[in-house]
Amino acid sequence: MKTIVILCDGEFPRKDYPLYLLDSADAVVCCDGSVMKYLRHTLKKFGEERMPEAVVGDMDTLSGKWQKRLKNLIVRESEQDDNDLTKAMRYVLAKHPDVTDIHILGAGGRREDHTVGNLGLLMEYTRLFDLGEVRVEMVSDYSTAFAITDSCELHLGKGRRVSLFSPDNSLTIKSEGLQWPTDSVVFDNWWPATLNRATEDIVRLTFSHPSRALVVVD
């Protein structure tokens, strides 16, 4: 098992679980200016600055002084078709073909447009990259989000709050183990399958056809 954390420049985690993921990862890859938060965190936590494996992005939020100091770690990608998170994903998958888990931290907060965009990218990555068995999830102080592409069983635990999203309005998702079944939900907006709750430890979702959906659990 090999875990990589991608740290974005949004809200830095404060809760134990995301901080555990950050501190126990086999490698940390920072998106642009998030490296400053990471260095402050490691200095406070360990009494010394611990460098990430790489700092990926166009460097628009990292000062020239820090770019010079971290020049051996910087992977500069100036193209603007993809955001820094996608560039970091590309780096991780290329440099770590044996990765099993990618935890994305700091991808929400501060700006709602970044949060919504990054959540959407979780679904897009199932098309952009050959992920195979690699588990990719976005973790914050408030929730864990991940993409699914077909029928599955989710071992969430009874009582967990669950929301489903999909950009495919032709998709039907039948459910077992949710307080409000999603069988008749039409995914034509963001809200129709939100604010649900697991009534069983295992939630079963059956897709009408392979597609993309986002699961957000608290």
N, C-alpha and C. Protein backbone atom coordinates (compact mmCIF):
# COMPACT_ATOMS: atom_id res chain seq x y z
N MET A 1 0.85 -1.20 0.00
CA MET A 1 0.00 0.00 0.00
C MET A 1 0.88 1.24 0.00
N LYS A 2 0.63 2.14 -0.94
CA LYS A 2 1.41 3.37 -1.02
C LYS A 2 0.45 4.55 -1.14
N THR A 3 0.56 5.48 -0.20
CA THR A 3 -0.35 6.61 -0.17
C THR A 3 0.39 7.91 -0.47
N ILE A 4 -0.24 8.73 -1.29
CA ILE A 4 0.30 10.05 -1.63
C ILE A 4 -0.74 11.09 -1.26
N VAL A 5 -0.31 12.17 -0.64
CA VAL A 5 -1.19 13.32 -0.39
C VAL A 5 -0.87 14.42 -1.39
N ILE A 6 -1.92 14.93 -2.02
CA ILE A 6 -1.81 16.16 -2.81
C ILE A 6 -2.42 17.27 -1.97
N LEU A 7 -1.62 18.27 -1.63
CA LEU A 7 -2.09 19.37 -0.80
C LEU A 7 -2.37 20.59 -1.68
N CYS A 8 -3.63 21.01 -1.69
CA CYS A 8 -4.03 22.20 -2.45
C CYS A 8 -3.98 23.43 -1.55
N ASP A 9 -4.17 24.59 -2.16
CA ASP A 9 -3.98 25.85 -1.44
C ASP A 9 -5.29 26.42 -0.92
N GLY A 10 -6.22 25.54 -0.56
CA GLY A 10 -7.47 25.99 0.04
C GLY A 10 -7.36 26.00 1.55
N GLU A 11 -8.43 25.58 2.21
CA GLU A 11 -8.47 25.58 3.66
C GLU A 11 -7.60 24.45 4.21
N PHE A 12 -6.60 24.79 4.99
CA PHE A 12 -5.71 23.77 5.55
C PHE A 12 -6.45 22.99 6.62
N PRO A 13 -6.33 21.66 6.63
CA PRO A 13 -7.09 20.86 7.60
C PRO A 13 -6.67 21.12 9.04
N ARG A 14 -7.66 20.94 9.94
CA ARG A 14 -7.41 21.08 11.37
C ARG A 14 -7.78 19.82 12.14
N LYS A 15 -8.67 19.01 11.58
CA LYS A 15 -9.16 17.82 12.28
C LYS A 15 -8.13 16.68 12.22
N ASP A 16 -8.26 15.75 13.15
CA ASP A 16 -7.28 14.69 13.31
C ASP A 16 -7.14 13.81 12.07
N TYR A 17 -8.27 13.42 11.44
CA TYR A 17 -8.17 12.46 10.35
C TYR A 17 -7.41 13.00 9.14
N PRO A 18 -7.78 14.17 8.60
CA PRO A 18 -6.98 14.65 7.46
C PRO A 18 -5.53 14.95 7.82
N LEU A 19 -5.29 15.40 9.05
CA LEU A 19 -3.90 15.64 9.46
C LEU A 19 -3.13 14.33 9.59
N TYR A 20 -3.81 13.27 10.02
CA TYR A 20 -3.17 11.96 10.06
C TYR A 20 -2.78 11.52 8.65
N LEU A 21 -3.68 11.72 7.68
CA LEU A 21 -3.37 11.36 6.29
C LEU A 21 -2.15 12.13 5.80
N LEU A 22 -2.09 13.41 6.16
CA LEU A 22 -0.97 14.25 5.72
C LEU A 22 0.34 13.79 6.34
N ASP A 23 0.31 13.52 7.63
CA ASP A 23 1.55 13.20 8.34
C ASP A 23 2.04 11.78 8.10
N SER A 24 1.15 10.89 7.70
CA SER A 24 1.54 9.48 7.52
C SER A 24 1.73 9.10 6.06
N ALA A 25 1.53 10.03 5.13
CA ALA A 25 1.65 9.72 3.70
C ALA A 25 3.07 9.32 3.34
N ASP A 26 3.20 8.47 2.35
CA ASP A 26 4.52 8.10 1.85
C ASP A 26 5.20 9.25 1.13
N ALA A 27 4.39 10.16 0.57
CA ALA A 27 4.93 11.35 -0.07
C ALA A 27 3.86 12.42 -0.09
N VAL A 28 4.29 13.68 -0.07
CA VAL A 28 3.39 14.83 -0.15
C VAL A 28 3.78 15.66 -1.36
N VAL A 29 2.80 15.97 -2.18
CA VAL A 29 3.00 16.83 -3.34
C VAL A 29 2.15 18.08 -3.14
N CYS A 30 2.77 19.24 -3.15
CA CYS A 30 2.08 20.50 -2.90
C CYS A 30 1.72 21.19 -4.21
N CYS A 31 0.53 21.75 -4.25
CA CYS A 31 0.12 22.58 -5.37
C CYS A 31 0.55 24.02 -5.10
N ASP A 32 1.55 24.48 -5.82
CA ASP A 32 1.94 25.87 -5.82
C ASP A 32 2.11 26.40 -4.39
N GLY A 33 1.36 27.45 -4.03
CA GLY A 33 1.56 28.14 -2.76
C GLY A 33 1.19 27.35 -1.52
N SER A 34 0.56 26.18 -1.67
CA SER A 34 0.22 25.38 -0.50
C SER A 34 1.46 24.90 0.24
N VAL A 35 2.61 24.94 -0.42
CA VAL A 35 3.84 24.51 0.23
C VAL A 35 4.14 25.37 1.46
N MET A 36 3.73 26.63 1.46
CA MET A 36 3.98 27.49 2.61
C MET A 36 3.21 26.98 3.83
N LYS A 37 1.96 26.57 3.61
CA LYS A 37 1.16 26.03 4.72
C LYS A 37 1.75 24.72 5.20
N TYR A 38 2.23 23.91 4.27
CA TYR A 38 2.80 22.62 4.64
C TYR A 38 4.06 22.81 5.49
N LEU A 39 4.92 23.73 5.10
CA LEU A 39 6.15 23.96 5.87
C LEU A 39 5.84 24.51 7.25
N ARG A 40 4.85 25.40 7.36
CA ARG A 40 4.46 25.91 8.68
C ARG A 40 3.92 24.78 9.55
N HIS A 41 3.13 23.89 8.93
CA HIS A 41 2.57 22.77 9.68
C HIS A 41 3.67 21.85 10.19
N THR A 42 4.61 21.47 9.34
CA THR A 42 5.66 20.55 9.77
C THR A 42 6.57 21.16 10.82
N LEU A 43 6.81 22.46 10.71
CA LEU A 43 7.63 23.13 11.72
C LEU A 43 6.95 23.08 13.08
N LYS A 44 5.65 23.33 13.09
CA LYS A 44 4.91 23.29 14.35
C LYS A 44 4.78 21.87 14.88
N LYS A 45 4.56 20.92 13.99
CA LYS A 45 4.30 19.53 14.40
C LYS A 45 5.57 18.81 14.79
N PHE A 46 6.64 18.98 14.01
CA PHE A 46 7.85 18.19 14.20
C PHE A 46 9.06 18.99 14.67
N GLY A 47 8.89 20.32 14.78
CA GLY A 47 10.00 21.14 15.22
C GLY A 47 10.99 21.47 14.13
N GLU A 48 10.67 21.11 12.90
CA GLU A 48 11.53 21.41 11.75
C GLU A 48 10.68 21.41 10.49
N GLU A 49 11.12 22.14 9.49
CA GLU A 49 10.43 22.11 8.21
C GLU A 49 10.75 20.82 7.47
N ARG A 50 9.73 20.13 7.05
CA ARG A 50 9.91 18.93 6.26
C ARG A 50 9.46 19.22 4.83
N MET A 51 10.34 19.01 3.90
CA MET A 51 10.05 19.36 2.53
C MET A 51 9.13 18.34 1.87
N PRO A 52 8.22 18.80 1.01
CA PRO A 52 7.43 17.85 0.22
C PRO A 52 8.30 17.23 -0.85
N GLU A 53 7.77 16.24 -1.53
CA GLU A 53 8.51 15.65 -2.64
C GLU A 53 8.61 16.62 -3.80
N ALA A 54 7.53 17.36 -4.05
CA ALA A 54 7.50 18.27 -5.20
C ALA A 54 6.50 19.38 -4.95
N VAL A 55 6.72 20.49 -5.64
CA VAL A 55 5.77 21.61 -5.67
C VAL A 55 5.38 21.79 -7.13
N VAL A 56 4.11 21.53 -7.45
CA VAL A 56 3.65 21.47 -8.84
C VAL A 56 2.69 22.62 -9.13
N GLY A 57 2.86 23.25 -10.29
CA GLY A 57 1.92 24.28 -10.70
C GLY A 57 2.58 25.34 -11.54
N ASP A 58 1.85 26.44 -11.76
CA ASP A 58 2.41 27.52 -12.58
C ASP A 58 3.16 28.55 -11.74
N MET A 59 3.16 28.36 -10.42
CA MET A 59 3.91 29.20 -9.46
C MET A 59 3.38 30.63 -9.40
N ASP A 60 2.10 30.81 -9.66
CA ASP A 60 1.55 32.16 -9.61
C ASP A 60 1.26 32.63 -8.20
N THR A 61 1.28 31.70 -7.22
CA THR A 61 1.03 32.10 -5.82
C THR A 61 2.25 31.85 -4.93
N LEU A 62 3.40 31.63 -5.54
CA LEU A 62 4.62 31.42 -4.77
C LEU A 62 5.62 32.51 -5.13
N SER A 63 6.07 33.23 -4.12
CA SER A 63 6.95 34.38 -4.38
C SER A 63 8.27 33.94 -5.00
N GLY A 64 8.93 34.89 -5.67
CA GLY A 64 10.21 34.61 -6.29
C GLY A 64 11.24 34.13 -5.28
N LYS A 65 11.20 34.70 -4.07
CA LYS A 65 12.13 34.29 -3.02
C LYS A 65 11.97 32.82 -2.70
N TRP A 66 10.72 32.37 -2.56
CA TRP A 66 10.48 30.98 -2.22
C TRP A 66 10.70 30.07 -3.42
N GLN A 67 10.44 30.56 -4.61
CA GLN A 67 10.74 29.76 -5.79
C GLN A 67 12.24 29.47 -5.88
N LYS A 68 13.03 30.47 -5.52
CA LYS A 68 14.48 30.27 -5.53
C LYS A 68 14.91 29.27 -4.47
N ARG A 69 14.32 29.38 -3.28
CA ARG A 69 14.69 28.47 -2.19
C ARG A 69 14.29 27.03 -2.51
N LEU A 70 13.15 26.86 -3.18
CA LEU A 70 12.60 25.52 -3.42
C LEU A 70 12.84 25.05 -4.85
N LYS A 71 13.79 25.65 -5.53
CA LYS A 71 13.96 25.41 -6.97
C LYS A 71 14.17 23.94 -7.31
N ASN A 72 14.77 23.18 -6.40
CA ASN A 72 15.01 21.76 -6.68
C ASN A 72 13.76 20.91 -6.55
N LEU A 73 12.70 21.49 -5.98
CA LEU A 73 11.45 20.75 -5.79
C LEU A 73 10.38 21.15 -6.78
N ILE A 74 10.56 22.27 -7.47
CA ILE A 74 9.51 22.83 -8.30
C ILE A 74 9.38 22.08 -9.62
N VAL A 75 8.13 21.72 -9.91
CA VAL A 75 7.77 21.16 -11.22
C VAL A 75 6.83 22.18 -11.85
N ARG A 76 7.36 23.03 -12.68
CA ARG A 76 6.59 24.14 -13.23
C ARG A 76 5.83 23.70 -14.48
N GLU A 77 4.55 23.93 -14.46
CA GLU A 77 3.70 23.70 -15.63
C GLU A 77 2.90 24.98 -15.87
N SER A 78 3.27 25.70 -16.89
CA SER A 78 2.68 27.02 -17.12
C SER A 78 1.38 26.99 -17.91
N GLU A 79 1.05 25.86 -18.55
CA GLU A 79 -0.17 25.82 -19.35
C GLU A 79 -1.39 26.05 -18.46
N GLN A 80 -2.41 26.68 -19.02
CA GLN A 80 -3.57 27.09 -18.25
C GLN A 80 -4.83 26.29 -18.58
N ASP A 81 -4.68 25.22 -19.36
CA ASP A 81 -5.85 24.39 -19.66
C ASP A 81 -6.28 23.57 -18.45
N ASP A 82 -5.33 23.25 -17.58
CA ASP A 82 -5.61 22.46 -16.38
C ASP A 82 -5.21 23.26 -15.14
N ASN A 83 -5.90 23.00 -14.04
CA ASN A 83 -5.52 23.69 -12.81
C ASN A 83 -4.38 22.94 -12.11
N ASP A 84 -3.90 23.50 -11.01
CA ASP A 84 -2.73 22.92 -10.35
C ASP A 84 -3.02 21.53 -9.78
N LEU A 85 -4.26 21.29 -9.34
CA LEU A 85 -4.61 19.97 -8.83
C LEU A 85 -4.46 18.91 -9.91
N THR A 86 -4.95 19.20 -11.11
CA THR A 86 -4.83 18.24 -12.21
C THR A 86 -3.37 18.03 -12.59
N LYS A 87 -2.59 19.09 -12.57
CA LYS A 87 -1.15 18.96 -12.85
C LYS A 87 -0.48 18.08 -11.79
N ALA A 88 -0.88 18.24 -10.54
CA ALA A 88 -0.32 17.41 -9.47
C ALA A 88 -0.74 15.95 -9.62
N MET A 89 -1.99 15.72 -10.01
CA MET A 89 -2.45 14.35 -10.26
C MET A 89 -1.61 13.71 -11.36
N ARG A 90 -1.37 14.44 -12.41
CA ARG A 90 -0.59 13.94 -13.54
C ARG A 90 0.83 13.56 -13.06
N TYR A 91 1.40 14.43 -12.23
CA TYR A 91 2.75 14.18 -11.70
C TYR A 91 2.76 12.91 -10.86
N VAL A 92 1.82 12.79 -9.93
CA VAL A 92 1.80 11.65 -9.02
C VAL A 92 1.66 10.34 -9.78
N LEU A 93 0.74 10.29 -10.73
CA LEU A 93 0.51 9.05 -11.46
C LEU A 93 1.70 8.68 -12.33
N ALA A 94 2.42 9.69 -12.83
CA ALA A 94 3.60 9.41 -13.64
C ALA A 94 4.79 8.96 -12.79
N LYS A 95 4.98 9.60 -11.64
CA LYS A 95 6.15 9.32 -10.80
C LYS A 95 5.95 8.14 -9.87
N HIS A 96 4.70 7.78 -9.59
CA HIS A 96 4.42 6.72 -8.62
C HIS A 96 3.45 5.71 -9.22
N PRO A 97 3.89 4.89 -10.15
CA PRO A 97 2.99 3.91 -10.76
C PRO A 97 2.48 2.88 -9.78
N ASP A 98 3.12 2.78 -8.60
CA ASP A 98 2.69 1.81 -7.58
C ASP A 98 1.78 2.43 -6.52
N VAL A 99 1.33 3.66 -6.73
CA VAL A 99 0.46 4.30 -5.74
C VAL A 99 -0.87 3.55 -5.65
N THR A 100 -1.37 3.42 -4.43
CA THR A 100 -2.66 2.76 -4.21
C THR A 100 -3.74 3.75 -3.77
N ASP A 101 -3.33 4.81 -3.06
CA ASP A 101 -4.29 5.77 -2.52
C ASP A 101 -3.76 7.18 -2.71
N ILE A 102 -4.61 8.04 -3.25
CA ILE A 102 -4.29 9.46 -3.38
C ILE A 102 -5.31 10.24 -2.57
N HIS A 103 -4.84 10.93 -1.55
CA HIS A 103 -5.70 11.75 -0.70
C HIS A 103 -5.47 13.22 -1.06
N ILE A 104 -6.51 13.89 -1.47
CA ILE A 104 -6.43 15.30 -1.84
C ILE A 104 -6.92 16.13 -0.66
N LEU A 105 -6.06 16.96 -0.11
CA LEU A 105 -6.40 17.80 1.03
C LEU A 105 -6.33 19.26 0.62
N GLY A 106 -7.05 20.12 1.35
CA GLY A 106 -6.99 21.56 1.09
C GLY A 106 -7.64 21.97 -0.22
N ALA A 107 -8.52 21.13 -0.77
CA ALA A 107 -9.13 21.43 -2.07
C ALA A 107 -10.41 22.23 -1.95
N GLY A 108 -10.87 22.46 -0.73
CA GLY A 108 -12.10 23.23 -0.52
C GLY A 108 -11.85 24.42 0.39
N GLY A 109 -12.89 25.20 0.61
CA GLY A 109 -12.79 26.37 1.48
C GLY A 109 -12.18 27.56 0.76
N ARG A 110 -12.30 28.70 1.35
CA ARG A 110 -11.76 29.97 0.86
C ARG A 110 -12.50 30.48 -0.38
N ARG A 111 -12.68 29.63 -1.40
CA ARG A 111 -13.40 30.05 -2.60
C ARG A 111 -14.35 28.93 -3.04
N GLU A 112 -15.65 29.27 -3.10
CA GLU A 112 -16.64 28.28 -3.47
C GLU A 112 -16.43 27.77 -4.90
N ASP A 113 -15.98 28.65 -5.80
CA ASP A 113 -15.82 28.19 -7.18
C ASP A 113 -14.71 27.15 -7.29
N HIS A 114 -13.63 27.32 -6.52
CA HIS A 114 -12.58 26.31 -6.51
C HIS A 114 -13.10 24.99 -5.93
N THR A 115 -13.88 25.09 -4.86
CA THR A 115 -14.41 23.89 -4.22
C THR A 115 -15.28 23.10 -5.19
N VAL A 116 -16.23 23.77 -5.83
CA VAL A 116 -17.13 23.10 -6.78
C VAL A 116 -16.34 22.52 -7.95
N GLY A 117 -15.40 23.30 -8.47
CA GLY A 117 -14.59 22.82 -9.59
C GLY A 117 -13.78 21.60 -9.23
N ASN A 118 -13.15 21.60 -8.05
CA ASN A 118 -12.33 20.46 -7.65
C ASN A 118 -13.17 19.22 -7.40
N LEU A 119 -14.35 19.37 -6.84
CA LEU A 119 -15.24 18.22 -6.66
C LEU A 119 -15.63 17.63 -8.01
N GLY A 120 -15.91 18.50 -8.98
CA GLY A 120 -16.22 18.03 -10.32
C GLY A 120 -15.06 17.29 -10.95
N LEU A 121 -13.84 17.73 -10.65
CA LEU A 121 -12.67 17.08 -11.23
C LEU A 121 -12.50 15.65 -10.74
N LEU A 122 -12.99 15.34 -9.54
CA LEU A 122 -12.91 13.95 -9.07
C LEU A 122 -13.61 13.02 -10.05
N MET A 123 -14.74 13.44 -10.57
CA MET A 123 -15.43 12.63 -11.58
C MET A 123 -14.69 12.64 -12.90
N GLU A 124 -14.15 13.80 -13.27
CA GLU A 124 -13.44 13.91 -14.55
C GLU A 124 -12.19 13.05 -14.57
N TYR A 125 -11.55 12.86 -13.43
CA TYR A 125 -10.32 12.07 -13.39
C TYR A 125 -10.57 10.61 -13.76
N THR A 126 -11.79 10.13 -13.57
CA THR A 126 -12.09 8.75 -13.97
C THR A 126 -12.05 8.60 -15.48
N ARG A 127 -12.15 9.71 -16.21
CA ARG A 127 -12.05 9.68 -17.67
C ARG A 127 -10.66 10.11 -18.14
N LEU A 128 -10.05 11.05 -17.44
CA LEU A 128 -8.76 11.59 -17.87
C LEU A 128 -7.61 10.61 -17.66
N PHE A 129 -7.69 9.84 -16.56
CA PHE A 129 -6.56 9.00 -16.17
C PHE A 129 -6.97 7.54 -16.09
N ASP A 130 -6.01 6.67 -16.35
CA ASP A 130 -6.21 5.24 -16.17
C ASP A 130 -5.92 4.90 -14.71
N LEU A 131 -6.92 5.05 -13.87
CA LEU A 131 -6.72 4.90 -12.43
C LEU A 131 -6.67 3.45 -11.98
N GLY A 132 -7.30 2.56 -12.72
CA GLY A 132 -7.30 1.17 -12.31
C GLY A 132 -7.86 1.02 -10.90
N GLU A 133 -7.05 0.45 -10.00
CA GLU A 133 -7.49 0.23 -8.63
C GLU A 133 -7.06 1.37 -7.68
N VAL A 134 -6.50 2.43 -8.23
CA VAL A 134 -6.06 3.55 -7.38
C VAL A 134 -7.28 4.26 -6.81
N ARG A 135 -7.31 4.40 -5.50
CA ARG A 135 -8.41 5.09 -4.84
C ARG A 135 -8.05 6.57 -4.69
N VAL A 136 -8.92 7.42 -5.21
CA VAL A 136 -8.70 8.87 -5.15
C VAL A 136 -9.85 9.48 -4.35
N GLU A 137 -9.53 10.22 -3.32
CA GLU A 137 -10.58 10.86 -2.53
C GLU A 137 -10.13 12.23 -2.06
N MET A 138 -11.12 13.11 -1.92
CA MET A 138 -10.89 14.47 -1.44
C MET A 138 -11.39 14.54 0.00
N VAL A 139 -10.48 14.85 0.91
CA VAL A 139 -10.80 14.82 2.34
C VAL A 139 -10.64 16.22 2.93
N SER A 140 -11.63 16.62 3.72
CA SER A 140 -11.56 17.90 4.43
C SER A 140 -11.94 17.67 5.88
N ASP A 141 -12.04 18.74 6.65
CA ASP A 141 -12.49 18.64 8.03
C ASP A 141 -13.96 18.26 8.12
N TYR A 142 -14.67 18.31 7.01
CA TYR A 142 -16.12 18.15 7.03
C TYR A 142 -16.62 16.91 6.31
N SER A 143 -15.87 16.40 5.35
CA SER A 143 -16.39 15.30 4.54
C SER A 143 -15.28 14.60 3.78
N THR A 144 -15.66 13.46 3.20
CA THR A 144 -14.82 12.74 2.25
C THR A 144 -15.62 12.56 0.97
N ALA A 145 -15.00 12.88 -0.16
CA ALA A 145 -15.67 12.78 -1.46
C ALA A 145 -14.87 11.89 -2.39
N PHE A 146 -15.58 11.09 -3.20
CA PHE A 146 -14.91 10.21 -4.16
C PHE A 146 -15.87 9.93 -5.31
N ALA A 147 -15.31 9.55 -6.44
CA ALA A 147 -16.11 9.28 -7.63
C ALA A 147 -16.33 7.78 -7.79
N ILE A 148 -17.49 7.43 -8.34
CA ILE A 148 -17.77 6.05 -8.72
C ILE A 148 -18.26 6.05 -10.16
N THR A 149 -18.10 4.93 -10.83
CA THR A 149 -18.42 4.87 -12.26
C THR A 149 -19.38 3.75 -12.62
N ASP A 150 -19.81 2.95 -11.63
CA ASP A 150 -20.74 1.85 -11.93
C ASP A 150 -21.31 1.35 -10.61
N SER A 151 -22.16 0.35 -10.70
CA SER A 151 -22.79 -0.23 -9.52
C SER A 151 -21.73 -0.67 -8.52
N CYS A 152 -22.04 -0.51 -7.24
CA CYS A 152 -21.03 -0.82 -6.22
C CYS A 152 -21.67 -0.95 -4.85
N GLU A 153 -20.89 -1.48 -3.91
CA GLU A 153 -21.24 -1.49 -2.50
C GLU A 153 -20.32 -0.53 -1.76
N LEU A 154 -20.89 0.34 -0.95
CA LEU A 154 -20.11 1.31 -0.18
C LEU A 154 -20.21 0.95 1.30
N HIS A 155 -19.06 0.65 1.91
CA HIS A 155 -19.03 0.30 3.33
C HIS A 155 -18.85 1.59 4.12
N LEU A 156 -19.96 2.25 4.38
CA LEU A 156 -19.92 3.59 4.98
C LEU A 156 -20.15 3.58 6.48
N GLY A 157 -20.95 2.66 6.96
CA GLY A 157 -21.33 2.66 8.36
C GLY A 157 -22.70 3.28 8.57
N LYS A 158 -23.51 2.64 9.34
CA LYS A 158 -24.87 3.11 9.60
C LYS A 158 -24.85 4.49 10.24
N GLY A 159 -25.70 5.38 9.75
CA GLY A 159 -25.83 6.72 10.31
C GLY A 159 -25.04 7.78 9.57
N ARG A 160 -24.14 7.38 8.67
CA ARG A 160 -23.36 8.37 7.92
C ARG A 160 -24.27 9.18 7.00
N ARG A 161 -24.02 10.47 6.92
CA ARG A 161 -24.74 11.32 5.96
C ARG A 161 -24.12 11.17 4.59
N VAL A 162 -24.96 11.04 3.59
CA VAL A 162 -24.52 10.72 2.23
C VAL A 162 -25.21 11.63 1.23
N SER A 163 -24.46 12.16 0.28
CA SER A 163 -25.03 12.90 -0.85
C SER A 163 -24.46 12.34 -2.14
N LEU A 164 -25.29 12.30 -3.18
CA LEU A 164 -24.89 11.82 -4.50
C LEU A 164 -25.09 12.92 -5.53
N PHE A 165 -24.16 13.00 -6.47
CA PHE A 165 -24.24 13.97 -7.56
C PHE A 165 -23.84 13.25 -8.85
N SER A 166 -24.38 13.71 -9.96
CA SER A 166 -23.93 13.20 -11.26
C SER A 166 -24.23 14.23 -12.34
N PRO A 167 -23.33 14.37 -13.33
CA PRO A 167 -23.59 15.26 -14.46
C PRO A 167 -24.42 14.59 -15.55
N ASP A 168 -24.81 13.32 -15.34
CA ASP A 168 -25.51 12.53 -16.35
C ASP A 168 -26.99 12.45 -16.01
N ASN A 169 -27.81 13.26 -16.67
CA ASN A 169 -29.23 13.25 -16.34
C ASN A 169 -29.99 12.06 -16.92
N SER A 170 -29.28 11.20 -17.65
CA SER A 170 -29.91 9.96 -18.12
C SER A 170 -29.64 8.81 -17.18
N LEU A 171 -28.83 9.04 -16.14
CA LEU A 171 -28.44 8.00 -15.20
C LEU A 171 -29.50 7.80 -14.13
N THR A 172 -29.84 6.54 -13.86
CA THR A 172 -30.67 6.17 -12.73
C THR A 172 -29.83 5.37 -11.75
N ILE A 173 -29.89 5.72 -10.48
CA ILE A 173 -29.16 4.99 -9.45
C ILE A 173 -30.16 4.44 -8.43
N LYS A 174 -30.35 3.14 -8.46
CA LYS A 174 -31.20 2.50 -7.45
C LYS A 174 -30.36 2.25 -6.20
N SER A 175 -30.96 2.41 -5.06
CA SER A 175 -30.19 2.33 -3.82
C SER A 175 -30.84 1.40 -2.81
N GLU A 176 -30.00 0.76 -2.01
CA GLU A 176 -30.41 0.01 -0.84
C GLU A 176 -29.56 0.48 0.33
N GLY A 177 -30.20 0.71 1.47
CA GLY A 177 -29.46 1.12 2.65
C GLY A 177 -29.42 2.61 2.87
N LEU A 178 -30.23 3.36 2.11
CA LEU A 178 -30.35 4.80 2.32
C LEU A 178 -31.74 5.12 2.86
N GLN A 179 -31.81 6.15 3.69
CA GLN A 179 -33.10 6.52 4.29
C GLN A 179 -34.11 6.92 3.22
N TRP A 180 -33.64 7.63 2.21
CA TRP A 180 -34.51 8.03 1.11
C TRP A 180 -33.98 7.41 -0.18
N PRO A 181 -34.66 6.38 -0.71
CA PRO A 181 -34.18 5.71 -1.92
C PRO A 181 -34.01 6.70 -3.07
N THR A 182 -33.00 6.43 -3.89
CA THR A 182 -32.68 7.33 -5.01
C THR A 182 -33.20 6.81 -6.35
N ASP A 183 -34.02 5.76 -6.31
CA ASP A 183 -34.44 5.07 -7.53
C ASP A 183 -35.08 6.01 -8.56
N SER A 184 -35.84 6.99 -8.10
CA SER A 184 -36.56 7.87 -9.03
C SER A 184 -35.90 9.23 -9.21
N VAL A 185 -34.71 9.41 -8.67
CA VAL A 185 -34.03 10.70 -8.76
C VAL A 185 -33.57 10.96 -10.20
N VAL A 186 -33.84 12.16 -10.68
CA VAL A 186 -33.31 12.62 -11.97
C VAL A 186 -32.17 13.60 -11.66
N PHE A 187 -31.00 13.30 -12.14
CA PHE A 187 -29.82 14.13 -11.82
C PHE A 187 -29.73 15.29 -12.83
N ASP A 188 -30.66 16.22 -12.66
CA ASP A 188 -30.70 17.38 -13.55
C ASP A 188 -30.31 18.66 -12.82
N ASN A 189 -29.86 18.52 -11.58
CA ASN A 189 -29.35 19.65 -10.81
C ASN A 189 -28.49 19.09 -9.68
N TRP A 190 -27.96 19.95 -8.82
CA TRP A 190 -27.03 19.49 -7.80
C TRP A 190 -27.73 18.87 -6.59
N TRP A 191 -28.95 19.28 -6.30
CA TRP A 191 -29.55 18.99 -5.01
C TRP A 191 -30.38 17.71 -4.89
N PRO A 192 -30.91 17.09 -5.97
CA PRO A 192 -31.94 16.06 -5.80
C PRO A 192 -31.55 14.86 -4.93
N ALA A 193 -30.28 14.48 -4.86
CA ALA A 193 -29.90 13.29 -4.08
C ALA A 193 -28.95 13.66 -2.93
N THR A 194 -29.11 14.87 -2.41
CA THR A 194 -28.27 15.31 -1.30
C THR A 194 -28.96 15.06 0.04
N LEU A 195 -28.18 15.19 1.11
CA LEU A 195 -28.68 15.19 2.49
C LEU A 195 -29.41 13.90 2.84
N ASN A 196 -28.87 12.78 2.38
CA ASN A 196 -29.42 11.47 2.70
C ASN A 196 -28.67 10.90 3.90
N ARG A 197 -29.06 9.70 4.29
CA ARG A 197 -28.40 9.07 5.44
C ARG A 197 -28.40 7.55 5.26
N ALA A 198 -27.29 6.92 5.64
CA ALA A 198 -27.18 5.47 5.56
C ALA A 198 -27.95 4.82 6.71
N THR A 199 -28.83 3.89 6.38
CA THR A 199 -29.58 3.15 7.40
C THR A 199 -28.97 1.78 7.66
N GLU A 200 -27.98 1.40 6.87
CA GLU A 200 -27.25 0.15 7.03
C GLU A 200 -25.76 0.43 6.95
N ASP A 201 -24.95 -0.51 7.41
CA ASP A 201 -23.51 -0.34 7.32
C ASP A 201 -23.04 -0.31 5.87
N ILE A 202 -23.71 -1.06 5.01
CA ILE A 202 -23.34 -1.15 3.60
C ILE A 202 -24.46 -0.55 2.76
N VAL A 203 -24.12 0.39 1.90
CA VAL A 203 -25.06 1.00 0.97
C VAL A 203 -24.78 0.41 -0.42
N ARG A 204 -25.83 -0.10 -1.07
CA ARG A 204 -25.68 -0.68 -2.40
C ARG A 204 -26.30 0.25 -3.43
N LEU A 205 -25.52 0.58 -4.45
CA LEU A 205 -25.97 1.46 -5.52
C LEU A 205 -25.92 0.68 -6.84
N THR A 206 -27.02 0.73 -7.59
CA THR A 206 -27.09 0.02 -8.86
C THR A 206 -27.30 1.04 -9.98
N PHE A 207 -26.32 1.15 -10.88
CA PHE A 207 -26.38 2.11 -11.99
C PHE A 207 -27.19 1.52 -13.15
N SER A 208 -27.95 2.36 -13.82
CA SER A 208 -28.65 1.93 -15.03
C SER A 208 -27.67 1.68 -16.17
N HIS A 209 -26.52 2.34 -16.13
CA HIS A 209 -25.46 2.15 -17.12
C HIS A 209 -24.18 2.76 -16.55
N PRO A 210 -22.99 2.30 -17.00
CA PRO A 210 -21.75 2.92 -16.52
C PRO A 210 -21.74 4.43 -16.80
N SER A 211 -21.38 5.20 -15.79
CA SER A 211 -21.38 6.65 -15.92
C SER A 211 -20.48 7.22 -14.84
N ARG A 212 -20.74 8.45 -14.45
CA ARG A 212 -19.93 9.11 -13.43
C ARG A 212 -20.85 9.67 -12.35
N ALA A 213 -20.46 9.46 -11.10
CA ALA A 213 -21.20 10.05 -9.98
C ALA A 213 -20.20 10.40 -8.89
N LEU A 214 -20.60 11.32 -8.06
CA LEU A 214 -19.79 11.76 -6.93
C LEU A 214 -20.51 11.42 -5.64
N VAL A 215 -19.78 10.82 -4.71
CA VAL A 215 -20.32 10.48 -3.40
C VAL A 215 -19.62 11.37 -2.37
N VAL A 216 -20.40 12.04 -1.53
CA VAL A 216 -19.85 12.86 -0.44
C VAL A 216 -20.44 12.36 0.85
N VAL A 217 -19.58 11.94 1.79
CA VAL A 217 -20.03 11.44 3.08
C VAL A 217 -19.39 12.27 4.19
N ASP A 218 -20.10 12.37 5.32
CA ASP A 218 -19.54 13.15 6.41
C ASP A 218 -18.61 12.31 7.25
